[in-house]
Amino acid sequence: MGINRDAQKKTADQVLEPPVTYEMYAEWPDDGQRYEIVDGIMELMSPRPSTTHQAVSGELAFIIKQSCRKDFLVFHAPIDVVLSETTVVQPDILMIHRSREHIVTKRGIEGPPDLVIEILSPSSHKRDKLVKRKAYAAHGVAEYWIIDTEARTLEQYQLLEGGRYELNNLFECNDTVTSDKIPCIGFVIEDIFREVKDWE
């Protein structure tokens, strides 16, 4: 898609004025960047994922698909998850039970996934832990994981009545990750880090 010079000059501080809708977001010129909208506010996403982020994401998606693909669809970024007309996000990994396959459309996922997974990067801690966690809870995502590649931990949040998350578990080292909401889940936390090296 071609873009003009004015579009190329736009920066994170010059994105659309809120409230931004999905339609406005979809018409935004392709400038090589990735954006998300939360509560009508459009923000530039963090720089492209690191090799560590990609290694963990790839390994985790592979492990989950191996055990859960019979019952769940597994998607990974970049893909739009349209939670409302003013909240559109791109989680690292997500799962949707096949009984809810109707929320998968040509433009993305239109509704709350059963599980959303975010892998922290240095510039995304606050957004993933506060802004997006609140948005996922408000829009009914039943389970939310935050993976810290430096601490090598997985925080498991589950949705309570009233639309808020509770930290259900913190997995680390040789803990086995399980979920009472997603019975096919079962892997040792260290397994998702086995492809991570001491890259310079």
N, C-alpha and C. Protein backbone atom coordinates (compact mmCIF):
# COMPACT_ATOMS: atom_id res chain seq x y z
N MET A 1 0.84 -1.19 0.00
CA MET A 1 0.00 0.00 0.00
C MET A 1 0.88 1.24 0.00
N GLY A 2 0.64 2.18 -0.95
CA GLY A 2 1.44 3.38 -0.99
C GLY A 2 1.02 4.38 0.08
N ILE A 3 1.97 5.18 0.57
CA ILE A 3 1.64 6.19 1.55
C ILE A 3 2.27 7.51 1.13
N ASN A 4 1.62 8.62 1.50
CA ASN A 4 2.17 9.91 1.11
C ASN A 4 3.13 10.43 2.16
N ARG A 5 3.78 11.55 1.85
CA ARG A 5 4.80 12.07 2.77
C ARG A 5 4.20 12.50 4.10
N ASP A 6 3.00 13.06 4.06
CA ASP A 6 2.36 13.49 5.31
C ASP A 6 2.14 12.31 6.23
N ALA A 7 1.72 11.19 5.65
CA ALA A 7 1.48 9.99 6.47
C ALA A 7 2.80 9.49 7.05
N GLN A 8 3.87 9.58 6.24
CA GLN A 8 5.16 9.10 6.70
C GLN A 8 5.68 9.92 7.88
N LYS A 9 5.29 11.18 7.96
CA LYS A 9 5.78 12.05 9.02
C LYS A 9 5.06 11.83 10.35
N LYS A 10 3.96 11.13 10.33
CA LYS A 10 3.20 10.94 11.57
C LYS A 10 4.00 10.11 12.56
N THR A 11 3.92 10.48 13.82
CA THR A 11 4.62 9.78 14.88
C THR A 11 3.61 9.34 15.92
N ALA A 12 4.11 8.69 16.97
CA ALA A 12 3.24 8.22 18.04
C ALA A 12 2.46 9.37 18.67
N ASP A 13 3.04 10.58 18.64
CA ASP A 13 2.37 11.74 19.24
C ASP A 13 1.37 12.38 18.27
N GLN A 14 1.33 11.90 17.05
CA GLN A 14 0.47 12.53 16.05
C GLN A 14 -0.57 11.57 15.51
N VAL A 15 -0.84 10.50 16.22
CA VAL A 15 -1.86 9.56 15.76
C VAL A 15 -3.22 10.20 15.96
N LEU A 16 -4.25 9.50 15.52
CA LEU A 16 -5.59 10.06 15.52
C LEU A 16 -6.05 10.51 16.91
N GLU A 17 -6.77 11.61 16.91
CA GLU A 17 -7.30 12.13 18.17
C GLU A 17 -8.42 11.22 18.67
N PRO A 18 -8.46 10.95 19.99
CA PRO A 18 -9.52 10.10 20.54
C PRO A 18 -10.87 10.84 20.50
N PRO A 19 -11.97 10.09 20.45
CA PRO A 19 -12.01 8.61 20.46
C PRO A 19 -11.78 8.03 19.07
N VAL A 20 -10.90 7.05 18.99
CA VAL A 20 -10.59 6.37 17.73
C VAL A 20 -11.43 5.09 17.66
N THR A 21 -12.03 4.84 16.51
CA THR A 21 -12.84 3.63 16.31
C THR A 21 -12.08 2.63 15.44
N TYR A 22 -12.61 1.40 15.37
CA TYR A 22 -11.98 0.39 14.51
C TYR A 22 -11.93 0.86 13.07
N GLU A 23 -13.01 1.49 12.59
CA GLU A 23 -13.05 1.94 11.19
C GLU A 23 -11.94 2.94 10.90
N MET A 24 -11.71 3.87 11.82
CA MET A 24 -10.64 4.86 11.66
C MET A 24 -9.28 4.16 11.67
N TYR A 25 -9.12 3.22 12.58
CA TYR A 25 -7.88 2.43 12.68
C TYR A 25 -7.62 1.66 11.39
N ALA A 26 -8.67 1.03 10.84
CA ALA A 26 -8.53 0.21 9.64
C ALA A 26 -8.15 1.05 8.42
N GLU A 27 -8.52 2.32 8.43
CA GLU A 27 -8.21 3.21 7.30
C GLU A 27 -6.85 3.90 7.45
N TRP A 28 -6.20 3.69 8.60
CA TRP A 28 -4.90 4.33 8.83
C TRP A 28 -3.89 3.82 7.80
N PRO A 29 -3.12 4.70 7.15
CA PRO A 29 -2.18 4.25 6.12
C PRO A 29 -1.11 3.32 6.67
N ASP A 30 -0.70 2.38 5.87
CA ASP A 30 0.34 1.43 6.26
C ASP A 30 1.68 2.15 6.29
N ASP A 31 2.16 2.47 7.50
CA ASP A 31 3.42 3.19 7.63
C ASP A 31 4.53 2.31 8.18
N GLY A 32 4.27 0.98 8.19
CA GLY A 32 5.28 0.05 8.68
C GLY A 32 5.28 -0.12 10.18
N GLN A 33 4.40 0.59 10.89
CA GLN A 33 4.31 0.50 12.34
C GLN A 33 3.07 -0.32 12.72
N ARG A 34 3.00 -0.69 14.01
CA ARG A 34 1.82 -1.39 14.53
C ARG A 34 1.20 -0.56 15.64
N TYR A 35 -0.13 -0.50 15.62
CA TYR A 35 -0.86 0.31 16.59
C TYR A 35 -1.93 -0.53 17.28
N GLU A 36 -2.33 -0.06 18.45
CA GLU A 36 -3.46 -0.64 19.16
C GLU A 36 -4.35 0.50 19.63
N ILE A 37 -5.63 0.17 19.88
CA ILE A 37 -6.56 1.15 20.45
C ILE A 37 -7.10 0.56 21.74
N VAL A 38 -7.04 1.32 22.82
CA VAL A 38 -7.67 0.92 24.08
C VAL A 38 -8.51 2.08 24.55
N ASP A 39 -9.81 1.82 24.70
CA ASP A 39 -10.75 2.86 25.12
C ASP A 39 -10.66 4.11 24.26
N GLY A 40 -10.54 3.89 22.95
CA GLY A 40 -10.55 5.01 22.01
C GLY A 40 -9.24 5.75 21.86
N ILE A 41 -8.20 5.31 22.58
CA ILE A 41 -6.88 5.95 22.49
C ILE A 41 -5.96 5.08 21.65
N MET A 42 -5.44 5.62 20.57
CA MET A 42 -4.58 4.88 19.65
C MET A 42 -3.12 5.12 20.02
N GLU A 43 -2.38 4.03 20.19
CA GLU A 43 -0.97 4.15 20.58
C GLU A 43 -0.09 3.29 19.69
N LEU A 44 1.11 3.80 19.45
CA LEU A 44 2.12 3.05 18.71
C LEU A 44 2.64 1.93 19.60
N MET A 45 2.71 0.72 19.08
CA MET A 45 3.22 -0.39 19.86
C MET A 45 4.74 -0.29 19.98
N SER A 46 5.30 -1.09 20.89
CA SER A 46 6.73 -1.08 21.14
C SER A 46 7.49 -1.54 19.90
N PRO A 47 8.80 -1.29 19.85
CA PRO A 47 9.60 -1.75 18.70
C PRO A 47 9.45 -3.24 18.45
N ARG A 48 9.89 -3.67 17.29
CA ARG A 48 9.72 -5.08 16.92
C ARG A 48 10.30 -5.99 17.99
N PRO A 49 9.66 -7.16 18.20
CA PRO A 49 10.07 -8.06 19.28
C PRO A 49 11.53 -8.48 19.17
N SER A 50 12.16 -8.70 20.33
CA SER A 50 13.54 -9.17 20.39
C SER A 50 13.61 -10.64 20.00
N THR A 51 14.82 -11.14 19.80
CA THR A 51 14.99 -12.56 19.48
C THR A 51 14.52 -13.43 20.65
N THR A 52 14.75 -12.98 21.89
CA THR A 52 14.28 -13.74 23.05
C THR A 52 12.76 -13.82 23.06
N HIS A 53 12.11 -12.69 22.82
CA HIS A 53 10.65 -12.64 22.75
C HIS A 53 10.14 -13.60 21.69
N GLN A 54 10.75 -13.58 20.52
CA GLN A 54 10.31 -14.44 19.42
C GLN A 54 10.54 -15.91 19.74
N ALA A 55 11.66 -16.23 20.37
CA ALA A 55 11.95 -17.63 20.72
C ALA A 55 10.93 -18.17 21.70
N VAL A 56 10.59 -17.38 22.72
CA VAL A 56 9.61 -17.81 23.72
C VAL A 56 8.22 -17.91 23.10
N SER A 57 7.86 -16.93 22.30
CA SER A 57 6.55 -16.94 21.65
C SER A 57 6.38 -18.16 20.74
N GLY A 58 7.41 -18.43 19.94
CA GLY A 58 7.34 -19.58 19.03
C GLY A 58 7.26 -20.90 19.76
N GLU A 59 8.06 -21.05 20.81
CA GLU A 59 8.07 -22.30 21.57
C GLU A 59 6.74 -22.51 22.28
N LEU A 60 6.22 -21.45 22.88
CA LEU A 60 4.95 -21.57 23.60
C LEU A 60 3.79 -21.89 22.66
N ALA A 61 3.74 -21.21 21.52
CA ALA A 61 2.68 -21.48 20.55
C ALA A 61 2.75 -22.93 20.07
N PHE A 62 3.97 -23.42 19.84
CA PHE A 62 4.15 -24.81 19.40
C PHE A 62 3.67 -25.79 20.47
N ILE A 63 4.04 -25.57 21.72
CA ILE A 63 3.65 -26.46 22.82
C ILE A 63 2.13 -26.49 22.97
N ILE A 64 1.51 -25.31 22.94
CA ILE A 64 0.07 -25.24 23.10
C ILE A 64 -0.66 -25.92 21.95
N LYS A 65 -0.19 -25.70 20.74
CA LYS A 65 -0.84 -26.33 19.59
C LYS A 65 -0.74 -27.85 19.67
N GLN A 66 0.40 -28.34 20.13
CA GLN A 66 0.58 -29.79 20.22
C GLN A 66 -0.47 -30.44 21.10
N SER A 67 -0.84 -29.79 22.21
CA SER A 67 -1.76 -30.42 23.15
C SER A 67 -3.20 -29.93 23.05
N CYS A 68 -3.42 -28.78 22.41
CA CYS A 68 -4.75 -28.19 22.46
C CYS A 68 -5.46 -28.00 21.12
N ARG A 69 -4.78 -28.30 20.00
CA ARG A 69 -5.37 -27.96 18.71
C ARG A 69 -6.67 -28.71 18.41
N LYS A 70 -6.91 -29.83 19.07
CA LYS A 70 -8.17 -30.55 18.86
C LYS A 70 -9.36 -29.72 19.32
N ASP A 71 -9.19 -29.00 20.43
CA ASP A 71 -10.30 -28.25 21.02
C ASP A 71 -10.20 -26.74 20.85
N PHE A 72 -9.01 -26.24 20.53
CA PHE A 72 -8.81 -24.79 20.47
C PHE A 72 -8.12 -24.36 19.18
N LEU A 73 -8.46 -23.14 18.74
CA LEU A 73 -7.71 -22.46 17.69
C LEU A 73 -6.66 -21.61 18.37
N VAL A 74 -5.45 -21.62 17.84
CA VAL A 74 -4.35 -20.85 18.42
C VAL A 74 -3.84 -19.87 17.36
N PHE A 75 -3.82 -18.59 17.72
CA PHE A 75 -3.33 -17.54 16.82
C PHE A 75 -2.19 -16.79 17.51
N HIS A 76 -1.34 -16.17 16.70
CA HIS A 76 -0.26 -15.35 17.27
C HIS A 76 -0.12 -14.06 16.47
N ALA A 77 0.50 -13.08 17.07
CA ALA A 77 0.65 -11.75 16.47
C ALA A 77 1.42 -11.81 15.15
N PRO A 78 1.11 -10.87 14.25
CA PRO A 78 0.13 -9.80 14.41
C PRO A 78 -1.27 -10.23 13.94
N ILE A 79 -2.26 -10.01 14.78
CA ILE A 79 -3.66 -10.24 14.43
C ILE A 79 -4.51 -9.31 15.27
N ASP A 80 -5.50 -8.68 14.65
CA ASP A 80 -6.37 -7.76 15.37
C ASP A 80 -7.40 -8.52 16.19
N VAL A 81 -7.52 -8.15 17.45
CA VAL A 81 -8.58 -8.65 18.31
C VAL A 81 -9.48 -7.45 18.60
N VAL A 82 -10.67 -7.49 18.01
CA VAL A 82 -11.61 -6.38 18.13
C VAL A 82 -12.53 -6.65 19.32
N LEU A 83 -12.19 -6.05 20.45
CA LEU A 83 -12.98 -6.26 21.67
C LEU A 83 -14.19 -5.34 21.71
N SER A 84 -14.08 -4.19 21.05
CA SER A 84 -15.20 -3.26 20.88
C SER A 84 -14.82 -2.32 19.75
N GLU A 85 -15.69 -1.44 19.39
CA GLU A 85 -15.37 -0.51 18.31
C GLU A 85 -14.27 0.47 18.69
N THR A 86 -13.96 0.59 19.99
CA THR A 86 -12.91 1.51 20.42
C THR A 86 -11.77 0.81 21.16
N THR A 87 -11.74 -0.53 21.13
CA THR A 87 -10.63 -1.28 21.73
C THR A 87 -10.22 -2.40 20.78
N VAL A 88 -9.07 -2.23 20.17
CA VAL A 88 -8.53 -3.21 19.21
C VAL A 88 -7.08 -3.46 19.59
N VAL A 89 -6.75 -4.70 19.94
CA VAL A 89 -5.41 -5.03 20.42
C VAL A 89 -4.79 -6.16 19.60
N GLN A 90 -3.48 -6.34 19.78
CA GLN A 90 -2.75 -7.39 19.08
C GLN A 90 -1.92 -8.18 20.09
N PRO A 91 -2.56 -9.13 20.80
CA PRO A 91 -1.80 -9.93 21.78
C PRO A 91 -0.78 -10.83 21.10
N ASP A 92 0.20 -11.29 21.87
CA ASP A 92 1.24 -12.14 21.30
C ASP A 92 0.68 -13.50 20.89
N ILE A 93 -0.14 -14.11 21.75
CA ILE A 93 -0.74 -15.41 21.47
C ILE A 93 -2.16 -15.39 22.04
N LEU A 94 -3.08 -16.08 21.40
CA LEU A 94 -4.43 -16.19 21.94
C LEU A 94 -5.02 -17.54 21.56
N MET A 95 -6.00 -17.96 22.36
CA MET A 95 -6.67 -19.24 22.13
C MET A 95 -8.18 -19.02 22.13
N ILE A 96 -8.86 -19.72 21.22
CA ILE A 96 -10.31 -19.66 21.13
C ILE A 96 -10.85 -21.08 21.05
N HIS A 97 -11.78 -21.42 21.92
CA HIS A 97 -12.38 -22.75 21.87
C HIS A 97 -13.14 -22.91 20.56
N ARG A 98 -13.06 -24.08 19.97
CA ARG A 98 -13.67 -24.30 18.66
C ARG A 98 -15.19 -24.12 18.67
N SER A 99 -15.79 -24.21 19.84
CA SER A 99 -17.24 -23.96 19.93
C SER A 99 -17.57 -22.47 19.74
N ARG A 100 -16.53 -21.62 19.82
CA ARG A 100 -16.71 -20.17 19.65
C ARG A 100 -16.02 -19.67 18.38
N GLU A 101 -15.83 -20.56 17.42
CA GLU A 101 -15.12 -20.22 16.19
C GLU A 101 -15.81 -19.10 15.41
N HIS A 102 -17.07 -18.84 15.72
CA HIS A 102 -17.81 -17.80 14.99
C HIS A 102 -17.21 -16.40 15.22
N ILE A 103 -16.38 -16.21 16.26
CA ILE A 103 -15.79 -14.88 16.47
C ILE A 103 -14.56 -14.65 15.59
N VAL A 104 -14.14 -15.69 14.86
CA VAL A 104 -13.02 -15.55 13.92
C VAL A 104 -13.58 -15.10 12.57
N THR A 105 -13.14 -13.94 12.10
CA THR A 105 -13.62 -13.41 10.83
C THR A 105 -12.43 -13.02 9.95
N LYS A 106 -12.71 -12.55 8.77
CA LYS A 106 -11.63 -12.17 7.86
C LYS A 106 -10.80 -11.02 8.41
N ARG A 107 -11.43 -10.13 9.15
CA ARG A 107 -10.67 -8.96 9.63
C ARG A 107 -9.93 -9.23 10.93
N GLY A 108 -10.22 -10.35 11.59
CA GLY A 108 -9.52 -10.67 12.83
C GLY A 108 -10.41 -11.47 13.77
N ILE A 109 -10.21 -11.24 15.06
CA ILE A 109 -11.00 -11.89 16.09
C ILE A 109 -11.98 -10.86 16.61
N GLU A 110 -13.26 -11.14 16.54
CA GLU A 110 -14.27 -10.16 16.93
C GLU A 110 -14.99 -10.64 18.19
N GLY A 111 -14.34 -10.40 19.31
CA GLY A 111 -14.87 -10.84 20.59
C GLY A 111 -13.73 -11.31 21.47
N PRO A 112 -14.03 -11.62 22.74
CA PRO A 112 -12.97 -12.00 23.68
C PRO A 112 -12.47 -13.43 23.48
N PRO A 113 -11.17 -13.63 23.30
CA PRO A 113 -10.61 -14.99 23.27
C PRO A 113 -10.79 -15.66 24.64
N ASP A 114 -10.60 -16.97 24.69
CA ASP A 114 -10.65 -17.68 25.96
C ASP A 114 -9.38 -17.47 26.77
N LEU A 115 -8.27 -17.29 26.07
CA LEU A 115 -6.98 -17.03 26.72
C LEU A 115 -6.20 -16.04 25.88
N VAL A 116 -5.62 -15.06 26.54
CA VAL A 116 -4.72 -14.11 25.89
C VAL A 116 -3.38 -14.18 26.61
N ILE A 117 -2.29 -14.18 25.84
CA ILE A 117 -0.94 -14.25 26.40
C ILE A 117 -0.12 -13.07 25.88
N GLU A 118 0.48 -12.33 26.81
CA GLU A 118 1.40 -11.25 26.45
C GLU A 118 2.78 -11.59 27.00
N ILE A 119 3.79 -11.38 26.17
CA ILE A 119 5.18 -11.59 26.57
C ILE A 119 5.82 -10.22 26.74
N LEU A 120 6.26 -9.93 27.95
CA LEU A 120 6.77 -8.60 28.26
C LEU A 120 8.02 -8.25 27.45
N SER A 121 8.09 -7.01 27.06
CA SER A 121 9.31 -6.44 26.50
C SER A 121 9.63 -5.21 27.36
N PRO A 122 10.85 -4.70 27.32
CA PRO A 122 11.22 -3.59 28.20
C PRO A 122 10.26 -2.40 28.15
N SER A 123 9.70 -2.14 26.97
CA SER A 123 8.83 -0.96 26.83
C SER A 123 7.35 -1.27 27.02
N SER A 124 7.00 -2.53 27.31
CA SER A 124 5.58 -2.88 27.39
C SER A 124 5.10 -3.26 28.78
N HIS A 125 5.98 -3.20 29.80
CA HIS A 125 5.58 -3.64 31.14
C HIS A 125 4.31 -2.95 31.62
N LYS A 126 4.31 -1.64 31.61
CA LYS A 126 3.16 -0.89 32.14
C LYS A 126 1.91 -1.16 31.32
N ARG A 127 2.06 -1.15 29.99
CA ARG A 127 0.89 -1.34 29.13
C ARG A 127 0.30 -2.74 29.31
N ASP A 128 1.14 -3.78 29.34
CA ASP A 128 0.64 -5.14 29.48
C ASP A 128 0.08 -5.42 30.87
N LYS A 129 0.75 -4.88 31.89
CA LYS A 129 0.35 -5.19 33.27
C LYS A 129 -0.80 -4.34 33.79
N LEU A 130 -0.98 -3.16 33.23
CA LEU A 130 -2.04 -2.28 33.72
C LEU A 130 -3.11 -2.01 32.67
N VAL A 131 -2.72 -1.34 31.58
CA VAL A 131 -3.70 -0.90 30.59
C VAL A 131 -4.40 -2.08 29.91
N LYS A 132 -3.62 -3.01 29.37
CA LYS A 132 -4.24 -4.11 28.64
C LYS A 132 -4.89 -5.13 29.58
N ARG A 133 -4.33 -5.32 30.75
CA ARG A 133 -4.95 -6.22 31.71
C ARG A 133 -6.36 -5.72 32.06
N LYS A 134 -6.48 -4.44 32.28
CA LYS A 134 -7.79 -3.86 32.59
C LYS A 134 -8.75 -4.01 31.41
N ALA A 135 -8.24 -3.79 30.20
CA ALA A 135 -9.09 -3.91 29.00
C ALA A 135 -9.55 -5.34 28.78
N TYR A 136 -8.64 -6.30 28.93
CA TYR A 136 -9.01 -7.71 28.75
C TYR A 136 -10.07 -8.14 29.76
N ALA A 137 -9.92 -7.70 31.00
CA ALA A 137 -10.90 -8.04 32.03
C ALA A 137 -12.25 -7.41 31.72
N ALA A 138 -12.25 -6.14 31.34
CA ALA A 138 -13.49 -5.42 31.07
C ALA A 138 -14.27 -6.03 29.92
N HIS A 139 -13.56 -6.65 28.98
CA HIS A 139 -14.21 -7.21 27.80
C HIS A 139 -14.39 -8.73 27.87
N GLY A 140 -14.15 -9.30 29.05
CA GLY A 140 -14.54 -10.69 29.27
C GLY A 140 -13.57 -11.77 28.83
N VAL A 141 -12.28 -11.46 28.73
CA VAL A 141 -11.28 -12.50 28.44
C VAL A 141 -11.11 -13.33 29.71
N ALA A 142 -11.47 -14.61 29.65
CA ALA A 142 -11.56 -15.45 30.86
C ALA A 142 -10.22 -15.66 31.55
N GLU A 143 -9.14 -15.72 30.76
CA GLU A 143 -7.83 -15.97 31.37
C GLU A 143 -6.76 -15.16 30.64
N TYR A 144 -5.82 -14.62 31.41
CA TYR A 144 -4.78 -13.76 30.87
C TYR A 144 -3.45 -14.16 31.49
N TRP A 145 -2.44 -14.40 30.61
CA TRP A 145 -1.10 -14.73 31.08
C TRP A 145 -0.15 -13.60 30.72
N ILE A 146 0.75 -13.30 31.65
CA ILE A 146 1.85 -12.37 31.38
C ILE A 146 3.15 -13.13 31.62
N ILE A 147 3.97 -13.19 30.58
CA ILE A 147 5.24 -13.91 30.67
C ILE A 147 6.39 -12.92 30.74
N ASP A 148 7.21 -13.07 31.76
CA ASP A 148 8.39 -12.22 31.94
C ASP A 148 9.61 -13.04 31.53
N THR A 149 10.23 -12.68 30.42
CA THR A 149 11.34 -13.46 29.90
C THR A 149 12.62 -13.27 30.72
N GLU A 150 12.74 -12.17 31.45
CA GLU A 150 13.92 -11.95 32.29
C GLU A 150 13.82 -12.76 33.58
N ALA A 151 12.66 -12.71 34.23
CA ALA A 151 12.46 -13.46 35.48
C ALA A 151 12.12 -14.93 35.20
N ARG A 152 11.75 -15.22 33.95
CA ARG A 152 11.33 -16.57 33.54
C ARG A 152 10.14 -17.04 34.39
N THR A 153 9.13 -16.19 34.41
CA THR A 153 7.91 -16.49 35.16
C THR A 153 6.68 -16.32 34.27
N LEU A 154 5.58 -16.91 34.72
CA LEU A 154 4.29 -16.77 34.05
C LEU A 154 3.25 -16.42 35.11
N GLU A 155 2.66 -15.24 34.97
CA GLU A 155 1.58 -14.82 35.86
C GLU A 155 0.26 -15.23 35.22
N GLN A 156 -0.57 -15.96 35.97
CA GLN A 156 -1.85 -16.44 35.45
C GLN A 156 -2.99 -15.69 36.16
N TYR A 157 -3.72 -14.91 35.39
CA TYR A 157 -4.87 -14.17 35.91
C TYR A 157 -6.16 -14.82 35.41
N GLN A 158 -7.13 -14.92 36.29
CA GLN A 158 -8.43 -15.46 35.89
C GLN A 158 -9.52 -14.47 36.26
N LEU A 159 -10.55 -14.42 35.40
CA LEU A 159 -11.60 -13.42 35.52
C LEU A 159 -12.60 -13.80 36.61
N LEU A 160 -12.89 -12.83 37.46
CA LEU A 160 -13.89 -13.02 38.52
C LEU A 160 -15.19 -12.34 38.11
N GLU A 161 -16.26 -12.65 38.81
CA GLU A 161 -17.52 -11.94 38.58
C GLU A 161 -17.29 -10.47 38.90
N GLY A 162 -17.87 -9.63 38.10
CA GLY A 162 -17.64 -8.20 38.30
C GLY A 162 -16.60 -7.63 37.35
N GLY A 163 -16.00 -8.51 36.53
CA GLY A 163 -15.09 -8.04 35.49
C GLY A 163 -13.73 -7.59 35.97
N ARG A 164 -13.16 -8.30 36.93
CA ARG A 164 -11.78 -7.98 37.33
C ARG A 164 -10.99 -9.28 37.45
N TYR A 165 -9.67 -9.15 37.31
CA TYR A 165 -8.80 -10.31 37.36
C TYR A 165 -8.27 -10.55 38.78
N GLU A 166 -8.04 -11.82 39.04
CA GLU A 166 -7.34 -12.24 40.25
C GLU A 166 -6.10 -13.00 39.82
N LEU A 167 -4.95 -12.71 40.47
CA LEU A 167 -3.74 -13.47 40.18
C LEU A 167 -3.94 -14.87 40.75
N ASN A 168 -4.17 -15.83 39.87
CA ASN A 168 -4.47 -17.19 40.29
C ASN A 168 -3.22 -17.99 40.62
N ASN A 169 -2.12 -17.70 39.90
CA ASN A 169 -0.89 -18.46 40.13
C ASN A 169 0.30 -17.72 39.53
N LEU A 170 1.46 -18.01 40.07
CA LEU A 170 2.73 -17.52 39.52
C LEU A 170 3.61 -18.74 39.31
N PHE A 171 3.85 -19.07 38.04
CA PHE A 171 4.64 -20.25 37.71
C PHE A 171 6.09 -19.85 37.44
N GLU A 172 7.04 -20.66 37.93
CA GLU A 172 8.45 -20.40 37.70
C GLU A 172 9.23 -21.72 37.72
N CYS A 173 10.46 -21.66 37.23
CA CYS A 173 11.41 -22.80 37.27
C CYS A 173 10.78 -24.06 36.70
N ASN A 174 10.67 -25.10 37.54
CA ASN A 174 10.14 -26.38 37.06
C ASN A 174 8.67 -26.58 37.38
N ASP A 175 7.96 -25.49 37.65
CA ASP A 175 6.51 -25.60 37.88
C ASP A 175 5.82 -26.07 36.60
N THR A 176 4.76 -26.84 36.77
CA THR A 176 3.93 -27.26 35.64
C THR A 176 2.76 -26.30 35.51
N VAL A 177 2.65 -25.66 34.36
CA VAL A 177 1.57 -24.71 34.10
C VAL A 177 0.30 -25.48 33.77
N THR A 178 -0.76 -25.21 34.52
CA THR A 178 -2.06 -25.83 34.27
C THR A 178 -3.13 -24.75 34.34
N SER A 179 -4.32 -25.07 33.83
CA SER A 179 -5.44 -24.15 33.88
C SER A 179 -6.72 -24.93 34.04
N ASP A 180 -7.51 -24.58 35.06
CA ASP A 180 -8.78 -25.29 35.21
C ASP A 180 -9.79 -24.86 34.15
N LYS A 181 -9.54 -23.74 33.48
CA LYS A 181 -10.42 -23.28 32.41
C LYS A 181 -10.05 -23.90 31.07
N ILE A 182 -8.77 -24.33 30.93
CA ILE A 182 -8.29 -24.91 29.67
C ILE A 182 -7.57 -26.21 30.01
N PRO A 183 -8.29 -27.31 30.14
CA PRO A 183 -7.72 -28.57 30.62
C PRO A 183 -6.58 -29.14 29.80
N CYS A 184 -6.49 -28.77 28.52
CA CYS A 184 -5.43 -29.33 27.67
C CYS A 184 -4.06 -28.71 27.97
N ILE A 185 -4.04 -27.62 28.73
CA ILE A 185 -2.78 -26.96 29.08
C ILE A 185 -2.02 -27.80 30.11
N GLY A 186 -0.73 -28.01 29.87
CA GLY A 186 0.11 -28.73 30.81
C GLY A 186 1.54 -28.80 30.31
N PHE A 187 2.38 -27.91 30.80
CA PHE A 187 3.79 -27.91 30.37
C PHE A 187 4.63 -27.31 31.49
N VAL A 188 5.91 -27.65 31.50
CA VAL A 188 6.85 -27.12 32.48
C VAL A 188 7.31 -25.74 32.01
N ILE A 189 7.27 -24.77 32.91
CA ILE A 189 7.56 -23.39 32.53
C ILE A 189 8.92 -23.26 31.85
N GLU A 190 9.94 -23.99 32.31
CA GLU A 190 11.27 -23.88 31.72
C GLU A 190 11.30 -24.33 30.26
N ASP A 191 10.32 -25.16 29.86
CA ASP A 191 10.30 -25.66 28.48
C ASP A 191 10.13 -24.54 27.46
N ILE A 192 9.44 -23.48 27.82
CA ILE A 192 9.23 -22.41 26.84
C ILE A 192 10.47 -21.53 26.67
N PHE A 193 11.46 -21.72 27.54
CA PHE A 193 12.69 -20.93 27.44
C PHE A 193 13.86 -21.74 26.87
N ARG A 194 13.61 -22.97 26.43
CA ARG A 194 14.73 -23.82 26.02
C ARG A 194 15.44 -23.34 24.75
N GLU A 195 14.76 -22.52 23.93
CA GLU A 195 15.41 -22.00 22.73
C GLU A 195 16.09 -20.65 22.97
N VAL A 196 15.96 -20.13 24.17
CA VAL A 196 16.58 -18.82 24.49
C VAL A 196 18.07 -19.01 24.76
N LYS A 197 18.90 -18.27 24.05
CA LYS A 197 20.36 -18.35 24.22
C LYS A 197 20.90 -17.03 24.76
N ASP A 198 22.16 -17.00 25.09
CA ASP A 198 22.81 -15.76 25.52
C ASP A 198 23.28 -14.99 24.29
N TRP A 199 22.29 -14.54 23.50
CA TRP A 199 22.65 -13.82 22.29
C TRP A 199 23.24 -12.46 22.64
N GLU A 200 24.24 -12.08 21.88
CA GLU A 200 24.88 -10.77 22.10
C GLU A 200 23.93 -9.67 21.65
